[in-house]
Amino acid sequence: MRPYRAILSARFRTLLQYRAAAVAGLGTQLFFGYVLVKGYQAFYAATDAPQPISISQIITYVWLGQAMLGLLPWIADPDVRRAVREGSVAYDMLRPVHVYWLWYSRALARRTAPTLLRAVPMFVIAGLFLGLQGPASWASGAAWLAATVGAVLLASAIATILGITLLWTVSGQGVNQLVPAMVMLFSGFLVPIPLFPKWAQTVLYTLPFRGIIDIPFRLYLGHIPPGDAFPMLLHQWTWILVLVLIGQWALGRGLRRLVVQGG
């Protein structure tokens, strides 16, 4: 495990240097979060029908989404993409580490460092001025933290698979165009899953994407009681295991057929 911890630590420290980008991204996310909040307020004001989630919870949900935006695995790792295109992926194959866990460690750093840079100021600003509420209870807060750990690992497993697909597609344009919309919709980032039609909820609750946004956020809100946290965490960890196994299998097949580009 020591080589992978070293890779994670080095990549994490490198990504922490992009503070100007984090500040610029924070401003953008504050704007889009404000637009989303106003849109939801307009929808809620236009109906008297009971809703499965309150407007105050929706506002908190939106700001949680903006704070944790960096977790979303919506593009293949740029470093892996560059390595495949330029042929330097051969160096990864020669390192005395497993290629899958090398790429997974990089994906883990990419999910955590940028998110940390933006989440802390977002929680402060949105908490003081924009309606972000604290966890529903201490138990909800603890369940949220546990689910957030699972969300990071799950998102990293998905991001690693996206990188592995580059062994076949090389350019990655198709994956980078298709996956963001799918992840944002199916995870509940754009619209909380309880607001979907019942038939759609049944499908979305079985997919892995809800483990990134829906599960941790609704535990935070208390919309999923802390007593129901275990099956939610089990859903996350089951998909983590499944996706890691799929990723290792796909990587093994890809590397056996790999033709190095460039040189």
Protein backbone atom coordinates (compact mmCIF):
# COMPACT_ATOMS: atom_id res chain seq x y z
CA MET A 1 0.00 0.00 0.00
CA ARG A 2 2.93 2.38 0.53
CA PRO A 3 3.49 3.12 -3.20
CA TYR A 4 -0.18 3.97 -3.68
CA ARG A 5 -0.24 6.21 -0.61
CA ALA A 6 2.80 8.00 -2.01
CA ILE A 7 1.10 8.44 -5.40
CA LEU A 8 -2.07 9.70 -3.74
CA SER A 9 -0.15 12.10 -1.49
CA ALA A 10 1.98 13.50 -4.31
CA ARG A 11 -0.97 14.00 -6.63
CA PHE A 12 -3.06 15.48 -3.83
CA ARG A 13 -0.37 18.07 -3.00
CA THR A 14 0.01 18.94 -6.67
CA LEU A 15 -3.71 19.56 -7.10
CA LEU A 16 -3.83 21.72 -3.96
CA GLN A 17 -1.63 24.24 -5.78
CA TYR A 18 -4.47 25.24 -8.12
CA ARG A 19 -5.94 27.73 -5.66
CA ALA A 20 -6.70 30.44 -8.24
CA ALA A 21 -8.73 27.95 -10.26
CA ALA A 22 -10.60 26.99 -7.09
CA VAL A 23 -11.47 30.63 -6.36
CA ALA A 24 -12.72 31.12 -9.93
CA GLY A 25 -14.72 27.90 -9.74
CA LEU A 26 -16.20 28.97 -6.41
CA GLY A 27 -17.58 32.14 -7.95
CA THR A 28 -19.10 30.19 -10.83
CA GLN A 29 -20.68 27.67 -8.48
CA LEU A 30 -22.14 30.40 -6.28
CA PHE A 31 -23.82 31.88 -9.35
CA PHE A 32 -25.24 28.60 -10.63
CA GLY A 33 -26.28 27.56 -7.14
CA TYR A 34 -28.18 30.83 -6.74
CA VAL A 35 -29.92 30.26 -10.10
CA LEU A 36 -30.92 26.73 -9.10
CA VAL A 37 -32.27 27.90 -5.74
CA LYS A 38 -34.38 30.61 -7.39
CA GLY A 39 -35.69 28.10 -9.92
CA TYR A 40 -36.77 25.67 -7.20
CA GLN A 41 -38.35 28.48 -5.18
CA ALA A 42 -40.40 29.46 -8.23
CA PHE A 43 -41.56 25.88 -8.80
CA TYR A 44 -42.52 25.42 -5.15
CA ALA A 45 -44.36 28.75 -5.08
CA ALA A 46 -46.39 27.73 -8.14
CA THR A 47 -48.00 24.68 -6.49
CA ASP A 48 -49.86 23.83 -3.32
CA ALA A 49 -49.39 20.08 -3.78
CA PRO A 50 -47.35 18.38 -1.04
CA GLN A 51 -43.79 17.64 -2.10
CA PRO A 52 -41.59 14.72 -0.96
CA ILE A 53 -38.85 17.13 0.11
CA SER A 54 -39.27 20.62 1.59
CA ILE A 55 -37.99 23.82 0.00
CA SER A 56 -35.57 24.43 2.89
CA GLN A 57 -34.15 20.95 2.35
CA ILE A 58 -33.92 21.63 -1.39
CA ILE A 59 -31.92 24.81 -0.76
CA THR A 60 -29.49 22.93 1.47
CA TYR A 61 -29.34 20.12 -1.11
CA VAL A 62 -28.39 22.59 -3.85
CA TRP A 63 -25.55 24.12 -1.84
CA LEU A 64 -24.28 20.70 -0.83
CA GLY A 65 -24.19 19.86 -4.52
CA GLN A 66 -22.16 22.95 -5.31
CA ALA A 67 -19.77 22.26 -2.44
CA MET A 68 -19.21 18.65 -3.50
CA LEU A 69 -19.25 19.23 -7.26
CA GLY A 70 -15.66 18.02 -7.61
CA LEU A 71 -16.67 14.50 -6.57
CA LEU A 72 -18.59 13.90 -9.78
CA PRO A 73 -16.72 11.50 -12.11
CA TRP A 74 -17.72 13.16 -15.35
CA ILE A 75 -14.53 13.02 -17.41
CA ALA A 76 -11.64 10.63 -17.87
CA ASP A 77 -8.48 11.59 -15.98
CA PRO A 78 -6.61 14.11 -18.20
CA ASP A 79 -3.28 12.56 -17.20
CA VAL A 80 -4.39 9.09 -18.31
CA ARG A 81 -5.87 10.55 -21.48
CA ARG A 82 -2.59 12.29 -22.30
CA ALA A 83 -0.58 9.18 -21.50
CA VAL A 84 -2.66 7.02 -23.85
CA ARG A 85 -2.53 9.56 -26.67
CA GLU A 86 1.21 10.23 -26.37
CA GLY A 87 2.28 6.66 -25.65
CA SER A 88 3.67 7.35 -22.18
CA VAL A 89 1.14 4.85 -20.83
CA ALA A 90 3.94 2.36 -21.47
CA TYR A 91 5.80 3.86 -18.51
CA ASP A 92 2.81 3.13 -16.25
CA MET A 93 2.95 -0.48 -17.39
CA LEU A 94 6.63 -0.69 -16.45
CA ARG A 95 6.26 0.71 -12.94
CA PRO A 96 6.47 -1.81 -10.05
CA VAL A 97 2.81 -1.20 -9.16
CA HIS A 98 -0.54 -2.44 -10.41
CA VAL A 99 -1.74 -0.11 -13.19
CA TYR A 100 -5.33 -0.17 -11.94
CA TRP A 101 -4.44 0.97 -8.44
CA LEU A 102 -2.04 3.56 -9.85
CA TRP A 103 -4.86 5.11 -11.87
CA TYR A 104 -7.32 4.69 -9.00
CA SER A 105 -4.97 6.55 -6.64
CA ARG A 106 -4.74 9.41 -9.13
CA ALA A 107 -8.53 9.47 -9.51
CA LEU A 108 -8.91 9.53 -5.73
CA ALA A 109 -6.63 12.57 -5.45
CA ARG A 110 -8.53 14.31 -8.26
CA ARG A 111 -11.82 13.76 -6.42
CA THR A 112 -10.57 15.00 -3.05
CA ALA A 113 -8.10 17.89 -3.42
CA PRO A 114 -10.19 20.18 -5.70
CA THR A 115 -13.33 19.36 -3.70
CA LEU A 116 -11.61 20.32 -0.46
CA LEU A 117 -10.44 23.65 -1.90
CA ARG A 118 -13.99 24.61 -2.91
CA ALA A 119 -16.12 22.87 -0.28
CA VAL A 120 -14.73 24.65 2.77
CA PRO A 121 -15.40 28.23 1.56
CA MET A 122 -18.71 27.13 0.01
CA PHE A 123 -19.93 25.75 3.35
CA VAL A 124 -18.92 29.00 5.08
CA ILE A 125 -20.51 31.37 2.54
CA ALA A 126 -23.67 29.33 1.91
CA GLY A 127 -24.06 28.58 5.61
CA LEU A 128 -23.84 32.23 6.64
CA PHE A 129 -25.72 33.93 3.82
CA LEU A 130 -27.46 31.53 1.41
CA GLY A 131 -29.62 29.18 3.46
CA LEU A 132 -27.39 26.14 3.84
CA GLN A 133 -28.47 24.38 7.02
CA GLY A 134 -26.44 22.07 9.19
CA PRO A 135 -27.07 18.31 9.41
CA ALA A 136 -30.46 17.35 10.77
CA SER A 137 -28.80 15.80 13.83
CA TRP A 138 -25.45 14.60 15.10
CA ALA A 139 -26.35 11.11 13.91
CA SER A 140 -27.27 12.46 10.46
CA GLY A 141 -23.95 14.30 10.33
CA ALA A 142 -22.01 11.14 11.19
CA ALA A 143 -23.97 9.13 8.60
CA TRP A 144 -23.25 11.85 6.02
CA LEU A 145 -19.51 11.69 6.72
CA ALA A 146 -19.50 7.90 6.37
CA ALA A 147 -21.50 8.11 3.14
CA THR A 148 -19.19 10.83 1.80
CA VAL A 149 -16.21 8.50 2.22
CA GLY A 150 -18.12 5.89 0.23
CA ALA A 151 -19.05 8.53 -2.37
CA VAL A 152 -15.39 9.46 -2.89
CA LEU A 153 -14.37 5.82 -3.35
CA LEU A 154 -17.32 5.10 -5.63
CA ALA A 155 -16.71 8.18 -7.79
CA SER A 156 -13.02 7.23 -8.07
CA ALA A 157 -13.96 3.72 -9.23
CA ILE A 158 -16.21 5.18 -11.95
CA ALA A 159 -13.56 7.71 -12.99
CA THR A 160 -10.97 4.93 -13.25
CA ILE A 161 -13.25 2.97 -15.58
CA LEU A 162 -13.62 6.08 -17.74
CA GLY A 163 -9.83 6.22 -17.99
CA ILE A 164 -9.67 2.53 -18.91
CA THR A 165 -12.08 3.07 -21.84
CA LEU A 166 -9.38 5.24 -23.41
CA LEU A 167 -7.44 2.07 -24.20
CA TRP A 168 -10.07 1.49 -26.90
CA THR A 169 -11.27 4.98 -27.81
CA VAL A 170 -7.89 6.81 -27.46
CA SER A 171 -9.34 10.34 -27.87
CA GLY A 172 -11.91 10.12 -25.08
CA GLN A 173 -14.14 12.72 -26.72
CA GLY A 174 -17.19 10.47 -26.73
CA VAL A 175 -16.88 9.53 -23.06
CA ASN A 176 -16.25 13.14 -22.00
CA GLN A 177 -19.33 14.32 -23.90
CA LEU A 178 -21.73 11.58 -22.84
CA VAL A 179 -20.90 10.83 -19.22
CA PRO A 180 -21.30 14.29 -17.55
CA ALA A 181 -25.00 14.60 -18.35
CA MET A 182 -25.63 11.00 -17.35
CA VAL A 183 -23.81 11.32 -14.03
CA MET A 184 -25.43 14.64 -13.08
CA LEU A 185 -28.93 13.35 -13.89
CA PHE A 186 -28.73 9.83 -12.48
CA SER A 187 -26.90 10.82 -9.28
CA GLY A 188 -29.58 13.32 -8.29
CA PHE A 189 -27.28 16.32 -8.71
CA LEU A 190 -29.56 18.25 -11.08
CA VAL A 191 -32.87 17.05 -9.63
CA PRO A 192 -33.16 15.22 -6.28
CA ILE A 193 -34.27 11.67 -6.93
CA PRO A 194 -37.40 11.97 -4.67
CA LEU A 195 -38.75 14.50 -7.20
CA PHE A 196 -38.54 12.00 -10.06
CA PRO A 197 -41.60 9.91 -11.06
CA LYS A 198 -42.00 6.73 -9.07
CA TRP A 199 -41.04 4.47 -11.99
CA ALA A 200 -37.83 6.45 -12.52
CA GLN A 201 -36.98 6.34 -8.81
CA THR A 202 -37.15 2.55 -8.89
CA VAL A 203 -34.52 2.48 -11.63
CA LEU A 204 -32.29 5.22 -10.21
CA TYR A 205 -32.20 3.66 -6.75
CA THR A 206 -30.55 0.55 -8.20
CA LEU A 207 -27.81 2.40 -10.10
CA PRO A 208 -24.43 3.23 -8.57
CA PHE A 209 -24.66 6.97 -9.25
CA ARG A 210 -27.04 7.68 -6.36
CA GLY A 211 -24.25 6.71 -3.98
CA ILE A 212 -22.30 9.84 -5.00
CA ILE A 213 -24.96 12.50 -4.37
CA ASP A 214 -28.39 11.19 -3.36
CA ILE A 215 -27.38 8.98 -0.44
CA PRO A 216 -24.94 11.30 1.38
CA PHE A 217 -27.05 14.43 0.84
CA ARG A 218 -30.32 12.92 2.02
CA LEU A 219 -28.58 11.45 5.06
CA TYR A 220 -27.28 14.96 5.81
CA LEU A 221 -30.81 16.37 5.55
CA GLY A 222 -32.33 13.61 7.65
CA HIS A 223 -34.56 12.78 4.67
CA ILE A 224 -33.07 9.31 5.02
CA PRO A 225 -33.10 8.64 8.79
CA PRO A 226 -29.73 7.77 10.35
CA GLY A 227 -31.20 4.42 11.37
CA ASP A 228 -31.49 3.54 7.66
CA ALA A 229 -27.86 4.43 6.94
CA PHE A 230 -26.55 0.85 6.90
CA PRO A 231 -28.42 -0.33 3.76
CA MET A 232 -27.41 2.93 2.06
CA LEU A 233 -23.76 2.36 2.88
CA LEU A 234 -24.09 -1.27 1.81
CA HIS A 235 -25.42 -0.06 -1.57
CA GLN A 236 -22.34 2.16 -1.97
CA TRP A 237 -19.80 -0.46 -0.99
CA THR A 238 -21.42 -3.17 -3.11
CA TRP A 239 -21.10 -0.97 -6.17
CA ILE A 240 -17.54 0.02 -5.22
CA LEU A 241 -16.56 -3.65 -5.16
CA VAL A 242 -18.41 -4.43 -8.40
CA LEU A 243 -16.91 -1.47 -10.27
CA VAL A 244 -13.39 -2.16 -9.01
CA LEU A 245 -13.65 -5.76 -10.24
CA ILE A 246 -15.08 -4.62 -13.59
CA GLY A 247 -12.32 -2.03 -13.91
CA GLN A 248 -9.56 -4.56 -13.22
CA TRP A 249 -11.06 -7.03 -15.68
CA ALA A 250 -11.42 -4.37 -18.40
CA LEU A 251 -7.91 -3.06 -17.78
CA GLY A 252 -6.46 -6.56 -18.09
CA ARG A 253 -8.17 -7.04 -21.46
CA GLY A 254 -7.16 -3.59 -22.64
CA LEU A 255 -3.50 -3.93 -21.76
CA ARG A 256 -3.25 -7.31 -23.53
CA ARG A 257 -4.41 -5.68 -26.77
CA LEU A 258 -2.76 -2.30 -26.30
CA VAL A 259 -0.87 -0.72 -29.18
CA VAL A 260 1.17 2.19 -27.83
CA GLN A 261 0.52 5.46 -29.64
CA GLY A 262 3.29 7.97 -30.20
CA GLY A 263 6.62 7.31 -28.57
